[in-house]
Amino acid sequence: MRIAPGANRPGRPLAPETLAFLERMAAVYGGPIVVTSGTDHSTYTVDGRVSDHTDGHAADLGMVANGGRDDSPSATAS
């Protein structure tokens, strides 16, 4: 697992349990994964709640950084 430059705010890393989960996820996946957005994410969600990214309990895995394309089937949420 790799944290992309700028994915976290300075001095605000992802929470240890989030990092541990991402490491387990990479092991199941069988290859490296890249976190493209961690704590350097919007503080609020679209409905005005505080985002889990703020305290390091969420991470985004960008499609392109992880070998996909934004228009690929796996980029579409169901």
C-alpha atoms as a PDB file:
ATOM      1  CA  MET A   1       0.000   0.000   0.000  1.00  0.00           C
ATOM      2  CA  ARG A   2       1.228   3.469  -0.824  1.00  0.00           C
ATOM      3  CA  ILE A   3      -0.036   6.904   0.228  1.00  0.00           C
ATOM      4  CA  ALA A   4       0.143   9.321  -2.717  1.00  0.00           C
ATOM      5  CA  PRO A   5       1.825  12.692  -2.164  1.00  0.00           C
ATOM      6  CA  GLY A   6      -0.745  15.194  -0.937  1.00  0.00           C
ATOM      7  CA  ALA A   7      -3.271  12.526   0.101  1.00  0.00           C
ATOM      8  CA  ASN A   8      -3.022  13.614   3.737  1.00  0.00           C
ATOM      9  CA  ARG A   9      -2.851  17.000   5.409  1.00  0.00           C
ATOM     10  CA  PRO A  10       0.553  17.743   6.955  1.00  0.00           C
ATOM     11  CA  GLY A  11       0.712  16.210  10.420  1.00  0.00           C
ATOM     12  CA  ARG A  12      -2.662  14.462   9.937  1.00  0.00           C
ATOM     13  CA  PRO A  13      -1.999  10.849   8.879  1.00  0.00           C
ATOM     14  CA  LEU A  14      -4.599   8.160   8.400  1.00  0.00           C
ATOM     15  CA  ALA A  15      -5.681   6.426  11.599  1.00  0.00           C
ATOM     16  CA  PRO A  16      -3.727   3.256  12.486  1.00  0.00           C
ATOM     17  CA  GLU A  17      -6.835   1.081  12.117  1.00  0.00           C
ATOM     18  CA  THR A  18      -7.494   2.531   8.650  1.00  0.00           C
ATOM     19  CA  LEU A  19      -3.909   1.792   7.616  1.00  0.00           C
ATOM     20  CA  ALA A  20      -4.197  -1.753   8.971  1.00  0.00           C
ATOM     21  CA  PHE A  21      -7.424  -2.301   7.020  1.00  0.00           C
ATOM     22  CA  LEU A  22      -5.846  -0.966   3.808  1.00  0.00           C
ATOM     23  CA  GLU A  23      -2.860  -3.300   4.264  1.00  0.00           C
ATOM     24  CA  ARG A  24      -5.207  -6.279   4.681  1.00  0.00           C
ATOM     25  CA  MET A  25      -7.190  -5.171   1.636  1.00  0.00           C
ATOM     26  CA  ALA A  26      -3.999  -4.956  -0.456  1.00  0.00           C
ATOM     27  CA  ALA A  27      -3.048  -8.468   0.671  1.00  0.00           C
ATOM     28  CA  VAL A  28      -6.428  -9.832  -0.420  1.00  0.00           C
ATOM     29  CA  TYR A  29      -6.185  -7.931  -3.699  1.00  0.00           C
ATOM     30  CA  GLY A  30      -2.736  -9.378  -4.244  1.00  0.00           C
ATOM     31  CA  GLY A  31      -0.990  -6.196  -5.262  1.00  0.00           C
ATOM     32  CA  PRO A  32      -0.194  -2.684  -4.238  1.00  0.00           C
ATOM     33  CA  ILE A  33      -2.946  -0.116  -3.834  1.00  0.00           C
ATOM     34  CA  VAL A  34      -2.540   3.655  -3.818  1.00  0.00           C
ATOM     35  CA  VAL A  35      -4.470   5.936  -1.450  1.00  0.00           C
ATOM     36  CA  THR A  36      -5.147   9.136  -3.383  1.00  0.00           C
ATOM     37  CA  SER A  37      -7.233  10.966  -0.792  1.00  0.00           C
ATOM     38  CA  GLY A  38      -6.969  10.547   2.953  1.00  0.00           C
ATOM     39  CA  THR A  39      -7.158  13.384   5.451  1.00  0.00           C
ATOM     40  CA  ASP A  40      -6.702  16.002   2.700  1.00  0.00           C
ATOM     41  CA  HIS A  41     -10.338  15.608   1.739  1.00  0.00           C
ATOM     42  CA  SER A  42     -13.270  17.944   2.140  1.00  0.00           C
ATOM     43  CA  THR A  43     -14.131  18.371   5.803  1.00  0.00           C
ATOM     44  CA  TYR A  44     -17.861  18.086   5.125  1.00  0.00           C
ATOM     45  CA  THR A  45     -19.906  15.653   3.075  1.00  0.00           C
ATOM     46  CA  VAL A  46     -22.461  16.866   0.528  1.00  0.00           C
ATOM     47  CA  ASP A  47     -25.182  16.671   3.209  1.00  0.00           C
ATOM     48  CA  GLY A  48     -23.191  18.791   5.685  1.00  0.00           C
ATOM     49  CA  ARG A  49     -21.926  16.075   7.996  1.00  0.00           C
ATOM     50  CA  VAL A  50     -18.277  15.863   9.035  1.00  0.00           C
ATOM     51  CA  SER A  51     -16.456  13.458   6.732  1.00  0.00           C
ATOM     52  CA  ASP A  52     -14.736  10.353   8.108  1.00  0.00           C
ATOM     53  CA  HIS A  53     -11.694  11.492   6.125  1.00  0.00           C
ATOM     54  CA  THR A  54     -11.199  14.377   8.559  1.00  0.00           C
ATOM     55  CA  ASP A  55      -9.976  12.184  11.420  1.00  0.00           C
ATOM     56  CA  GLY A  56      -8.256   9.600   9.214  1.00  0.00           C
ATOM     57  CA  HIS A  57     -10.997   6.976   9.160  1.00  0.00           C
ATOM     58  CA  ALA A  58     -11.589   6.966   5.387  1.00  0.00           C
ATOM     59  CA  ALA A  59      -9.481   6.755   2.259  1.00  0.00           C
ATOM     60  CA  ASP A  60     -10.141   6.986  -1.470  1.00  0.00           C
ATOM     61  CA  LEU A  61      -8.382   4.807  -4.016  1.00  0.00           C
ATOM     62  CA  GLY A  62      -8.284   6.743  -7.274  1.00  0.00           C
ATOM     63  CA  MET A  63      -8.969   4.693 -10.394  1.00  0.00           C
ATOM     64  CA  VAL A  64      -6.115   6.006 -12.546  1.00  0.00           C
ATOM     65  CA  ALA A  65      -3.526   5.785  -9.733  1.00  0.00           C
ATOM     66  CA  ASN A  66      -4.529   2.148  -9.257  1.00  0.00           C
ATOM     67  CA  GLY A  67      -4.267   1.108 -12.891  1.00  0.00           C
ATOM     68  CA  GLY A  68      -7.873   1.653 -13.927  1.00  0.00           C
ATOM     69  CA  ARG A  69      -9.664   4.187 -16.074  1.00  0.00           C
ATOM     70  CA  ASP A  70     -12.368   6.578 -14.958  1.00  0.00           C
ATOM     71  CA  ASP A  71     -14.675   5.169 -17.635  1.00  0.00           C
ATOM     72  CA  SER A  72     -14.078   1.476 -16.833  1.00  0.00           C
ATOM     73  CA  PRO A  73     -16.901  -0.698 -15.461  1.00  0.00           C
ATOM     74  CA  SER A  74     -15.234  -0.879 -12.038  1.00  0.00           C
ATOM     75  CA  ALA A  75     -15.357   2.924 -11.764  1.00  0.00           C
ATOM     76  CA  THR A  76     -19.140   2.875 -11.774  1.00  0.00           C
ATOM     77  CA  ALA A  77     -20.783   2.668  -8.384  1.00  0.00           C
ATOM     78  CA  SER A  78     -23.965   0.658  -8.201  1.00  0.00           C
END
